[in-house]
Amino acid sequence: MRTVHDEYTFKPTECLDALADVTYHLETFGLAYIRASTPKHLMARRIRASRVNMILSGEGADEIFGGYL
């Protein structure tokens, strides 16, 4: 099966511009949450703009192995 892979490198200014939206959607000012969610938010924006129908992510290890505090 052939797969297509894309790479997205964002700039620090994009992160700063997204902070208000990320904080709004998370409903918290928690640094750990904002730090982890900002790149995901930028990636989600990029995916939505590209009109991709489905993605596969490597996220989930914390849920499986109980890695939360």
PDB file of N, CA and C in Angstrom:
ATOM      1  N   MET A   1       0.844  -1.179   0.000  1.00  0.00           N
ATOM      2  CA  MET A   1       0.000   0.000   0.000  1.00  0.00           C
ATOM      3  C   MET A   1       0.886   1.238   0.000  1.00  0.00           C
ATOM      4  N   ARG A   2       0.546   2.190  -0.786  1.00  0.00           N
ATOM      5  CA  ARG A   2       1.306   3.435  -0.886  1.00  0.00           C
ATOM      6  C   ARG A   2       0.692   4.490   0.027  1.00  0.00           C
ATOM      7  N   THR A   3       1.529   5.181   0.768  1.00  0.00           N
ATOM      8  CA  THR A   3       1.050   6.247   1.652  1.00  0.00           C
ATOM      9  C   THR A   3       1.717   7.558   1.283  1.00  0.00           C
ATOM     10  N   VAL A   4       1.071   8.632   1.627  1.00  0.00           N
ATOM     11  CA  VAL A   4       1.588   9.973   1.373  1.00  0.00           C
ATOM     12  C   VAL A   4       1.884  10.618   2.719  1.00  0.00           C
ATOM     13  N   HIS A   5       3.073  11.150   2.880  1.00  0.00           N
ATOM     14  CA  HIS A   5       3.475  11.796   4.124  1.00  0.00           C
ATOM     15  C   HIS A   5       3.822  13.255   3.846  1.00  0.00           C
ATOM     16  N   ASP A   6       3.350  14.126   4.702  1.00  0.00           N
ATOM     17  CA  ASP A   6       3.643  15.558   4.598  1.00  0.00           C
ATOM     18  C   ASP A   6       4.366  16.007   5.852  1.00  0.00           C
ATOM     19  N   GLU A   7       5.167  17.032   5.715  1.00  0.00           N
ATOM     20  CA  GLU A   7       5.875  17.613   6.852  1.00  0.00           C
ATOM     21  C   GLU A   7       5.457  19.065   6.997  1.00  0.00           C
ATOM     22  N   TYR A   8       5.252  19.476   8.216  1.00  0.00           N
ATOM     23  CA  TYR A   8       4.836  20.850   8.492  1.00  0.00           C
ATOM     24  C   TYR A   8       5.735  21.418   9.586  1.00  0.00           C
ATOM     25  N   THR A   9       6.531  22.401   9.254  1.00  0.00           N
ATOM     26  CA  THR A   9       7.389  23.084  10.215  1.00  0.00           C
ATOM     27  C   THR A   9       6.801  24.468  10.460  1.00  0.00           C
ATOM     28  N   PHE A  10       6.419  24.725  11.697  1.00  0.00           N
ATOM     29  CA  PHE A  10       5.827  26.033  11.991  1.00  0.00           C
ATOM     30  C   PHE A  10       6.848  26.936  12.662  1.00  0.00           C
ATOM     31  N   LYS A  11       6.593  28.220  12.569  1.00  0.00           N
ATOM     32  CA  LYS A  11       7.484  29.240  13.115  1.00  0.00           C
ATOM     33  C   LYS A  11       7.020  29.634  14.523  1.00  0.00           C
ATOM     34  N   PRO A  12       7.943  30.113  15.353  1.00  0.00           N
ATOM     35  CA  PRO A  12       7.558  30.553  16.699  1.00  0.00           C
ATOM     36  C   PRO A  12       6.460  31.617  16.685  1.00  0.00           C
ATOM     37  N   THR A  13       6.462  32.470  15.675  1.00  0.00           N
ATOM     38  CA  THR A  13       5.422  33.507  15.607  1.00  0.00           C
ATOM     39  C   THR A  13       4.037  32.896  15.404  1.00  0.00           C
ATOM     40  N   GLU A  14       3.965  31.764  14.689  1.00  0.00           N
ATOM     41  CA  GLU A  14       2.682  31.084  14.516  1.00  0.00           C
ATOM     42  C   GLU A  14       2.162  30.569  15.859  1.00  0.00           C
ATOM     43  N   CYS A  15       3.072  30.076  16.696  1.00  0.00           N
ATOM     44  CA  CYS A  15       2.686  29.603  18.031  1.00  0.00           C
ATOM     45  C   CYS A  15       2.141  30.749  18.867  1.00  0.00           C
ATOM     46  N   LEU A  16       2.843  31.862  18.845  1.00  0.00           N
ATOM     47  CA  LEU A  16       2.392  33.018  19.625  1.00  0.00           C
ATOM     48  C   LEU A  16       1.045  33.524  19.135  1.00  0.00           C
ATOM     49  N   ASP A  17       0.840  33.519  17.826  1.00  0.00           N
ATOM     50  CA  ASP A  17      -0.433  33.974  17.267  1.00  0.00           C
ATOM     51  C   ASP A  17      -1.584  33.038  17.630  1.00  0.00           C
ATOM     52  N   ALA A  18      -1.286  31.763  17.863  1.00  0.00           N
ATOM     53  CA  ALA A  18      -2.327  30.776  18.155  1.00  0.00           C
ATOM     54  C   ALA A  18      -2.676  30.689  19.642  1.00  0.00           C
ATOM     55  N   LEU A  19      -1.904  31.321  20.510  1.00  0.00           N
ATOM     56  CA  LEU A  19      -2.108  31.156  21.958  1.00  0.00           C
ATOM     57  C   LEU A  19      -3.513  31.532  22.426  1.00  0.00           C
ATOM     58  N   ALA A  20      -4.063  32.605  21.894  1.00  0.00           N
ATOM     59  CA  ALA A  20      -5.409  33.013  22.311  1.00  0.00           C
ATOM     60  C   ALA A  20      -6.437  31.944  21.944  1.00  0.00           C
ATOM     61  N   ASP A  21      -6.341  31.394  20.741  1.00  0.00           N
ATOM     62  CA  ASP A  21      -7.272  30.342  20.313  1.00  0.00           C
ATOM     63  C   ASP A  21      -7.093  29.074  21.142  1.00  0.00           C
ATOM     64  N   VAL A  22      -5.854  28.694  21.389  1.00  0.00           N
ATOM     65  CA  VAL A  22      -5.577  27.479  22.164  1.00  0.00           C
ATOM     66  C   VAL A  22      -6.130  27.623  23.578  1.00  0.00           C
ATOM     67  N   THR A  23      -5.882  28.752  24.207  1.00  0.00           N
ATOM     68  CA  THR A  23      -6.387  29.000  25.563  1.00  0.00           C
ATOM     69  C   THR A  23      -7.904  28.980  25.586  1.00  0.00           C
ATOM     70  N   TYR A  24      -8.518  29.561  24.568  1.00  0.00           N
ATOM     71  CA  TYR A  24      -9.981  29.565  24.480  1.00  0.00           C
ATOM     72  C   TYR A  24     -10.533  28.142  24.403  1.00  0.00           C
ATOM     73  N   HIS A  25      -9.967  27.331  23.537  1.00  0.00           N
ATOM     74  CA  HIS A  25     -10.475  25.970  23.343  1.00  0.00           C
ATOM     75  C   HIS A  25     -10.172  25.055  24.526  1.00  0.00           C
ATOM     76  N   LEU A  26      -9.040  25.246  25.184  1.00  0.00           N
ATOM     77  CA  LEU A  26      -8.698  24.436  26.348  1.00  0.00           C
ATOM     78  C   LEU A  26      -9.441  24.873  27.602  1.00  0.00           C
ATOM     79  N   GLU A  27      -9.835  26.128  27.639  1.00  0.00           N
ATOM     80  CA  GLU A  27     -10.488  26.735  28.796  1.00  0.00           C
ATOM     81  C   GLU A  27      -9.600  26.686  30.035  1.00  0.00           C
ATOM     82  N   THR A  28      -8.291  26.844  29.830  1.00  0.00           N
ATOM     83  CA  THR A  28      -7.348  26.884  30.943  1.00  0.00           C
ATOM     84  C   THR A  28      -6.103  27.657  30.527  1.00  0.00           C
ATOM     85  N   PHE A  29      -5.401  28.180  31.527  1.00  0.00           N
ATOM     86  CA  PHE A  29      -4.123  28.841  31.298  1.00  0.00           C
ATOM     87  C   PHE A  29      -2.956  27.937  31.699  1.00  0.00           C
ATOM     88  N   GLY A  30      -3.240  26.659  31.968  1.00  0.00           N
ATOM     89  CA  GLY A  30      -2.207  25.730  32.419  1.00  0.00           C
ATOM     90  C   GLY A  30      -1.079  25.594  31.399  1.00  0.00           C
ATOM     91  N   LEU A  31       0.130  25.894  31.836  1.00  0.00           N
ATOM     92  CA  LEU A  31       1.283  25.907  30.938  1.00  0.00           C
ATOM     93  C   LEU A  31       1.504  24.556  30.254  1.00  0.00           C
ATOM     94  N   ALA A  32       1.401  23.469  31.002  1.00  0.00           N
ATOM     95  CA  ALA A  32       1.632  22.141  30.412  1.00  0.00           C
ATOM     96  C   ALA A  32       0.615  21.844  29.319  1.00  0.00           C
ATOM     97  N   TYR A  33      -0.631  22.223  29.534  1.00  0.00           N
ATOM     98  CA  TYR A  33      -1.673  21.982  28.543  1.00  0.00           C
ATOM     99  C   TYR A  33      -1.464  22.835  27.295  1.00  0.00           C
ATOM    100  N   ILE A  34      -1.161  24.090  27.499  1.00  0.00           N
ATOM    101  CA  ILE A  34      -0.960  24.992  26.361  1.00  0.00           C
ATOM    102  C   ILE A  34       0.275  24.585  25.569  1.00  0.00           C
ATOM    103  N   ARG A  35       1.345  24.233  26.270  1.00  0.00           N
ATOM    104  CA  ARG A  35       2.583  23.837  25.598  1.00  0.00           C
ATOM    105  C   ARG A  35       2.369  22.589  24.740  1.00  0.00           C
ATOM    106  N   ALA A  36       1.622  21.636  25.231  1.00  0.00           N
ATOM    107  CA  ALA A  36       1.380  20.400  24.486  1.00  0.00           C
ATOM    108  C   ALA A  36       0.344  20.575  23.380  1.00  0.00           C
ATOM    109  N   SER A  37      -0.603  21.476  23.572  1.00  0.00           N
ATOM    110  CA  SER A  37      -1.714  21.601  22.636  1.00  0.00           C
ATOM    111  C   SER A  37      -1.472  22.569  21.489  1.00  0.00           C
ATOM    112  N   THR A  38      -0.556  23.502  21.641  1.00  0.00           N
ATOM    113  CA  THR A  38      -0.332  24.484  20.581  1.00  0.00           C
ATOM    114  C   THR A  38       0.132  23.840  19.275  1.00  0.00           C
ATOM    115  N   PRO A  39       1.128  22.957  19.275  1.00  0.00           N
ATOM    116  CA  PRO A  39       1.498  22.318  18.001  1.00  0.00           C
ATOM    117  C   PRO A  39       0.363  21.483  17.403  1.00  0.00           C
ATOM    118  N   LYS A  40      -0.420  20.818  18.258  1.00  0.00           N
ATOM    119  CA  LYS A  40      -1.550  20.032  17.761  1.00  0.00           C
ATOM    120  C   LYS A  40      -2.608  20.930  17.139  1.00  0.00           C
ATOM    121  N   HIS A  41      -2.819  22.081  17.750  1.00  0.00           N
ATOM    122  CA  HIS A  41      -3.780  23.045  17.214  1.00  0.00           C
ATOM    123  C   HIS A  41      -3.334  23.538  15.843  1.00  0.00           C
ATOM    124  N   LEU A  42      -2.051  23.869  15.711  1.00  0.00           N
ATOM    125  CA  LEU A  42      -1.530  24.327  14.425  1.00  0.00           C
ATOM    126  C   LEU A  42      -1.620  23.223  13.374  1.00  0.00           C
ATOM    127  N   MET A  43      -1.343  21.991  13.777  1.00  0.00           N
ATOM    128  CA  MET A  43      -1.447  20.871  12.851  1.00  0.00           C
ATOM    129  C   MET A  43      -2.900  20.672  12.414  1.00  0.00           C
ATOM    130  N   ALA A  44      -3.835  20.774  13.341  1.00  0.00           N
ATOM    131  CA  ALA A  44      -5.246  20.611  13.005  1.00  0.00           C
ATOM    132  C   ALA A  44      -5.706  21.684  12.027  1.00  0.00           C
ATOM    133  N   ARG A  45      -5.244  22.913  12.218  1.00  0.00           N
ATOM    134  CA  ARG A  45      -5.566  23.982  11.273  1.00  0.00           C
ATOM    135  C   ARG A  45      -5.056  23.649   9.873  1.00  0.00           C
ATOM    136  N   ARG A  46      -3.819  23.175   9.818  1.00  0.00           N
ATOM    137  CA  ARG A  46      -3.194  22.837   8.537  1.00  0.00           C
ATOM    138  C   ARG A  46      -3.937  21.688   7.853  1.00  0.00           C
ATOM    139  N   ILE A  47      -4.315  20.675   8.628  1.00  0.00           N
ATOM    140  CA  ILE A  47      -5.040  19.539   8.072  1.00  0.00           C
ATOM    141  C   ILE A  47      -6.400  19.976   7.545  1.00  0.00           C
ATOM    142  N   ARG A  48      -7.096  20.785   8.313  1.00  0.00           N
ATOM    143  CA  ARG A  48      -8.417  21.253   7.877  1.00  0.00           C
ATOM    144  C   ARG A  48      -8.317  22.070   6.597  1.00  0.00           C
ATOM    145  N   ALA A  49      -7.301  22.897   6.481  1.00  0.00           N
ATOM    146  CA  ALA A  49      -7.117  23.714   5.283  1.00  0.00           C
ATOM    147  C   ALA A  49      -6.792  22.864   4.056  1.00  0.00           C
ATOM    148  N   SER A  50      -6.198  21.693   4.271  1.00  0.00           N
ATOM    149  CA  SER A  50      -5.820  20.844   3.142  1.00  0.00           C
ATOM    150  C   SER A  50      -6.958  19.929   2.699  1.00  0.00           C
ATOM    151  N   ARG A  51      -8.050  19.910   3.429  1.00  0.00           N
ATOM    152  CA  ARG A  51      -9.237  19.116   3.115  1.00  0.00           C
ATOM    153  C   ARG A  51      -8.958  17.616   3.128  1.00  0.00           C
ATOM    154  N   VAL A  52      -8.057  17.193   4.007  1.00  0.00           N
ATOM    155  CA  VAL A  52      -7.767  15.775   4.185  1.00  0.00           C
ATOM    156  C   VAL A  52      -8.950  15.124   4.884  1.00  0.00           C
ATOM    157  N   ASN A  53      -9.278  13.907   4.493  1.00  0.00           N
ATOM    158  CA  ASN A  53     -10.429  13.214   5.073  1.00  0.00           C
ATOM    159  C   ASN A  53     -10.103  12.435   6.331  1.00  0.00           C
ATOM    160  N   MET A  54      -8.862  11.956   6.461  1.00  0.00           N
ATOM    161  CA  MET A  54      -8.519  11.131   7.614  1.00  0.00           C
ATOM    162  C   MET A  54      -7.024  11.235   7.896  1.00  0.00           C
ATOM    163  N   ILE A  55      -6.663  11.185   9.181  1.00  0.00           N
ATOM    164  CA  ILE A  55      -5.253  11.143   9.571  1.00  0.00           C
ATOM    165  C   ILE A  55      -5.055  10.041  10.592  1.00  0.00           C
ATOM    166  N   LEU A  56      -3.838   9.562  10.703  1.00  0.00           N
ATOM    167  CA  LEU A  56      -3.454   8.620  11.744  1.00  0.00           C
ATOM    168  C   LEU A  56      -2.402   9.291  12.598  1.00  0.00           C
ATOM    169  N   SER A  57      -2.542   9.189  13.894  1.00  0.00           N
ATOM    170  CA  SER A  57      -1.630   9.864  14.809  1.00  0.00           C
ATOM    171  C   SER A  57      -0.982   8.854  15.743  1.00  0.00           C
ATOM    172  N   GLY A  58       0.214   9.173  16.197  1.00  0.00           N
ATOM    173  CA  GLY A  58       0.908   8.322  17.152  1.00  0.00           C
ATOM    174  C   GLY A  58       0.571   8.654  18.588  1.00  0.00           C
ATOM    175  N   GLU A  59      -0.369   9.539  18.818  1.00  0.00           N
ATOM    176  CA  GLU A  59      -0.754   9.915  20.172  1.00  0.00           C
ATOM    177  C   GLU A  59      -1.461   8.758  20.858  1.00  0.00           C
ATOM    178  N   GLY A  60      -1.400   8.720  22.158  1.00  0.00           N
ATOM    179  CA  GLY A  60      -2.146   7.725  22.916  1.00  0.00           C
ATOM    180  C   GLY A  60      -1.322   6.959  23.932  1.00  0.00           C
ATOM    181  N   ALA A  61      -0.003   7.110  23.916  1.00  0.00           N
ATOM    182  CA  ALA A  61       0.832   6.348  24.849  1.00  0.00           C
ATOM    183  C   ALA A  61       0.498   6.690  26.304  1.00  0.00           C
ATOM    184  N   ASP A  62       0.210   7.949  26.600  1.00  0.00           N
ATOM    185  CA  ASP A  62      -0.123   8.319  27.970  1.00  0.00           C
ATOM    186  C   ASP A  62      -1.416   7.634  28.438  1.00  0.00           C
ATOM    187  N   GLU A  63      -2.373   7.518  27.537  1.00  0.00           N
ATOM    188  CA  GLU A  63      -3.621   6.873  27.911  1.00  0.00           C
ATOM    189  C   GLU A  63      -3.395   5.377  28.174  1.00  0.00           C
ATOM    190  N   ILE A  64      -2.577   4.745  27.363  1.00  0.00           N
ATOM    191  CA  ILE A  64      -2.352   3.308  27.491  1.00  0.00           C
ATOM    192  C   ILE A  64      -1.522   2.983  28.739  1.00  0.00           C
ATOM    193  N   PHE A  65      -0.452   3.758  28.979  1.00  0.00           N
ATOM    194  CA  PHE A  65       0.476   3.442  30.052  1.00  0.00           C
ATOM    195  C   PHE A  65       0.265   4.288  31.307  1.00  0.00           C
ATOM    196  N   GLY A  66      -0.781   5.099  31.371  1.00  0.00           N
ATOM    197  CA  GLY A  66      -1.074   5.877  32.568  1.00  0.00           C
ATOM    198  C   GLY A  66       0.014   6.892  32.886  1.00  0.00           C
ATOM    199  N   GLY A  67       0.471   7.631  31.897  1.00  0.00           N
ATOM    200  CA  GLY A  67       1.578   8.563  32.072  1.00  0.00           C
ATOM    201  C   GLY A  67       1.214   9.929  32.613  1.00  0.00           C
ATOM    202  N   TYR A  68      -0.034  10.130  33.020  1.00  0.00           N
ATOM    203  CA  TYR A  68      -0.425  11.430  33.562  1.00  0.00           C
ATOM    204  C   TYR A  68      -0.024  11.542  35.029  1.00  0.00           C
ATOM    205  N   LEU A  69       0.113  12.774  35.503  1.00  0.00           N
ATOM    206  CA  LEU A  69       0.450  12.991  36.919  1.00  0.00           C
ATOM    207  C   LEU A  69      -0.660  12.505  37.833  1.00  0.00           C
TER     208      LEU A  69
END
